Amino acid sequence: MTDQKDRVSREREEIAARVASFRATQQKFERDRQEYFANTLGNAWSGFKRESA
């Protein structure tokens, strides 16, 4: 019974580590998307303002 509990405990730890890694990756992608959007929109607005003036 102890071996089974140890195995289950190790599996839970592995799953928790994988979930944490996945969340970190998703957060990195979100930051990258936001940065890309901000840069792209900023460039678009600066080009729009230059042409209008």
N, C-alpha and C. Protein backbone atom coordinates (compact mmCIF):
# COMPACT_ATOMS: atom_id res chain seq x y z
N MET A 1 0.82 -1.20 0.00
CA MET A 1 0.00 0.00 0.00
C MET A 1 0.87 1.26 0.00
N THR A 2 1.98 1.24 0.70
CA THR A 2 2.86 2.39 0.76
C THR A 2 3.48 2.66 -0.61
N ASP A 3 3.86 1.60 -1.33
CA ASP A 3 4.43 1.77 -2.67
C ASP A 3 3.43 2.44 -3.60
N GLN A 4 2.19 2.05 -3.49
CA GLN A 4 1.16 2.64 -4.34
C GLN A 4 0.98 4.13 -4.00
N LYS A 5 0.98 4.46 -2.72
CA LYS A 5 0.84 5.85 -2.31
C LYS A 5 2.03 6.67 -2.79
N ASP A 6 3.22 6.10 -2.71
CA ASP A 6 4.42 6.80 -3.20
C ASP A 6 4.33 7.04 -4.69
N ARG A 7 3.89 6.03 -5.42
CA ARG A 7 3.77 6.15 -6.88
C ARG A 7 2.75 7.24 -7.23
N VAL A 8 1.62 7.21 -6.55
CA VAL A 8 0.58 8.21 -6.81
C VAL A 8 1.10 9.60 -6.46
N SER A 9 1.82 9.70 -5.38
CA SER A 9 2.38 10.98 -4.97
C SER A 9 3.37 11.49 -6.02
N ARG A 10 4.24 10.64 -6.52
CA ARG A 10 5.20 11.04 -7.56
C ARG A 10 4.47 11.46 -8.83
N GLU A 11 3.43 10.72 -9.19
CA GLU A 11 2.67 11.08 -10.39
C GLU A 11 2.00 12.44 -10.24
N ARG A 12 1.45 12.69 -9.07
CA ARG A 12 0.82 13.99 -8.81
C ARG A 12 1.85 15.12 -8.90
N GLU A 13 3.03 14.88 -8.34
CA GLU A 13 4.08 15.89 -8.42
C GLU A 13 4.50 16.14 -9.86
N GLU A 14 4.61 15.09 -10.64
CA GLU A 14 4.97 15.23 -12.04
C GLU A 14 3.90 16.01 -12.80
N ILE A 15 2.65 15.69 -12.53
CA ILE A 15 1.55 16.40 -13.19
C ILE A 15 1.56 17.87 -12.79
N ALA A 16 1.76 18.15 -11.52
CA ALA A 16 1.81 19.53 -11.05
C ALA A 16 2.95 20.30 -11.72
N ALA A 17 4.10 19.64 -11.87
CA ALA A 17 5.24 20.28 -12.53
C ALA A 17 4.93 20.56 -14.00
N ARG A 18 4.28 19.61 -14.66
CA ARG A 18 3.93 19.81 -16.07
C ARG A 18 2.92 20.94 -16.24
N VAL A 19 1.94 20.99 -15.34
CA VAL A 19 0.95 22.06 -15.40
C VAL A 19 1.62 23.42 -15.17
N ALA A 20 2.51 23.48 -14.20
CA ALA A 20 3.23 24.74 -13.93
C ALA A 20 4.06 25.16 -15.14
N SER A 21 4.70 24.22 -15.78
CA SER A 21 5.49 24.52 -16.97
C SER A 21 4.59 25.01 -18.10
N PHE A 22 3.47 24.36 -18.27
CA PHE A 22 2.53 24.75 -19.32
C PHE A 22 2.01 26.16 -19.06
N ARG A 23 1.65 26.46 -17.82
CA ARG A 23 1.16 27.80 -17.48
C ARG A 23 2.23 28.85 -17.75
N ALA A 24 3.46 28.56 -17.38
CA ALA A 24 4.55 29.51 -17.61
C ALA A 24 4.73 29.77 -19.10
N THR A 25 4.64 28.71 -19.90
CA THR A 25 4.77 28.86 -21.35
C THR A 25 3.63 29.70 -21.91
N GLN A 26 2.41 29.44 -21.45
CA GLN A 26 1.26 30.20 -21.92
C GLN A 26 1.38 31.67 -21.53
N GLN A 27 1.87 31.95 -20.33
CA GLN A 27 2.05 33.33 -19.90
C GLN A 27 3.11 34.03 -20.75
N LYS A 28 4.17 33.31 -21.10
CA LYS A 28 5.20 33.88 -21.96
C LYS A 28 4.62 34.21 -23.33
N PHE A 29 3.83 33.30 -23.89
CA PHE A 29 3.19 33.56 -25.18
C PHE A 29 2.26 34.77 -25.10
N GLU A 30 1.53 34.89 -24.00
CA GLU A 30 0.63 36.03 -23.82
C GLU A 30 1.41 37.34 -23.77
N ARG A 31 2.51 37.35 -23.03
CA ARG A 31 3.35 38.56 -22.96
C ARG A 31 3.91 38.89 -24.34
N ASP A 32 4.36 37.87 -25.07
CA ASP A 32 4.90 38.10 -26.41
C ASP A 32 3.84 38.66 -27.35
N ARG A 33 2.62 38.12 -27.27
CA ARG A 33 1.52 38.63 -28.11
C ARG A 33 1.20 40.08 -27.77
N GLN A 34 1.15 40.39 -26.48
CA GLN A 34 0.85 41.76 -26.07
C GLN A 34 1.94 42.73 -26.53
N GLU A 35 3.18 42.31 -26.39
CA GLU A 35 4.29 43.16 -26.83
C GLU A 35 4.24 43.37 -28.35
N TYR A 36 4.00 42.31 -29.09
CA TYR A 36 3.91 42.42 -30.55
C TYR A 36 2.76 43.35 -30.94
N PHE A 37 1.62 43.18 -30.29
CA PHE A 37 0.46 44.02 -30.59
C PHE A 37 0.77 45.48 -30.31
N ALA A 38 1.36 45.75 -29.14
CA ALA A 38 1.67 47.12 -28.76
C ALA A 38 2.66 47.74 -29.75
N ASN A 39 3.68 46.99 -30.15
CA ASN A 39 4.65 47.52 -31.11
C ASN A 39 4.02 47.74 -32.48
N THR A 40 3.23 46.79 -32.92
CA THR A 40 2.61 46.90 -34.24
C THR A 40 1.62 48.05 -34.27
N LEU A 41 0.79 48.14 -33.25
CA LEU A 41 -0.19 49.22 -33.20
C LEU A 41 0.51 50.57 -33.05
N GLY A 42 1.57 50.60 -32.25
CA GLY A 42 2.32 51.84 -32.09
C GLY A 42 2.93 52.30 -33.41
N ASN A 43 3.49 51.37 -34.16
CA ASN A 43 4.06 51.71 -35.46
C ASN A 43 2.98 52.18 -36.43
N ALA A 44 1.84 51.53 -36.38
CA ALA A 44 0.74 51.92 -37.28
C ALA A 44 0.27 53.33 -36.95
N TRP A 45 0.11 53.63 -35.66
CA TRP A 45 -0.36 54.96 -35.28
C TRP A 45 0.69 56.02 -35.59
N SER A 46 1.96 55.72 -35.38
CA SER A 46 2.99 56.72 -35.67
C SER A 46 3.05 56.98 -37.17
N GLY A 47 2.87 55.96 -37.98
CA GLY A 47 2.85 56.15 -39.43
C GLY A 47 1.63 56.92 -39.86
N PHE A 48 0.51 56.68 -39.24
CA PHE A 48 -0.73 57.39 -39.55
C PHE A 48 -0.59 58.87 -39.21
N LYS A 49 0.01 59.18 -38.06
CA LYS A 49 0.16 60.56 -37.63
C LYS A 49 1.14 61.31 -38.53
N ARG A 50 2.21 60.63 -38.97
CA ARG A 50 3.19 61.27 -39.84
C ARG A 50 2.58 61.64 -41.18
N GLU A 51 1.79 60.74 -41.75
CA GLU A 51 1.21 60.99 -43.06
C GLU A 51 0.15 62.07 -43.00
N SER A 52 -0.55 62.19 -41.88
CA SER A 52 -1.64 63.15 -41.75
C SER A 52 -1.10 64.58 -41.56
N ALA A 53 0.03 64.71 -40.93
CA ALA A 53 0.54 66.03 -40.57
C ALA A 53 1.12 66.79 -41.70
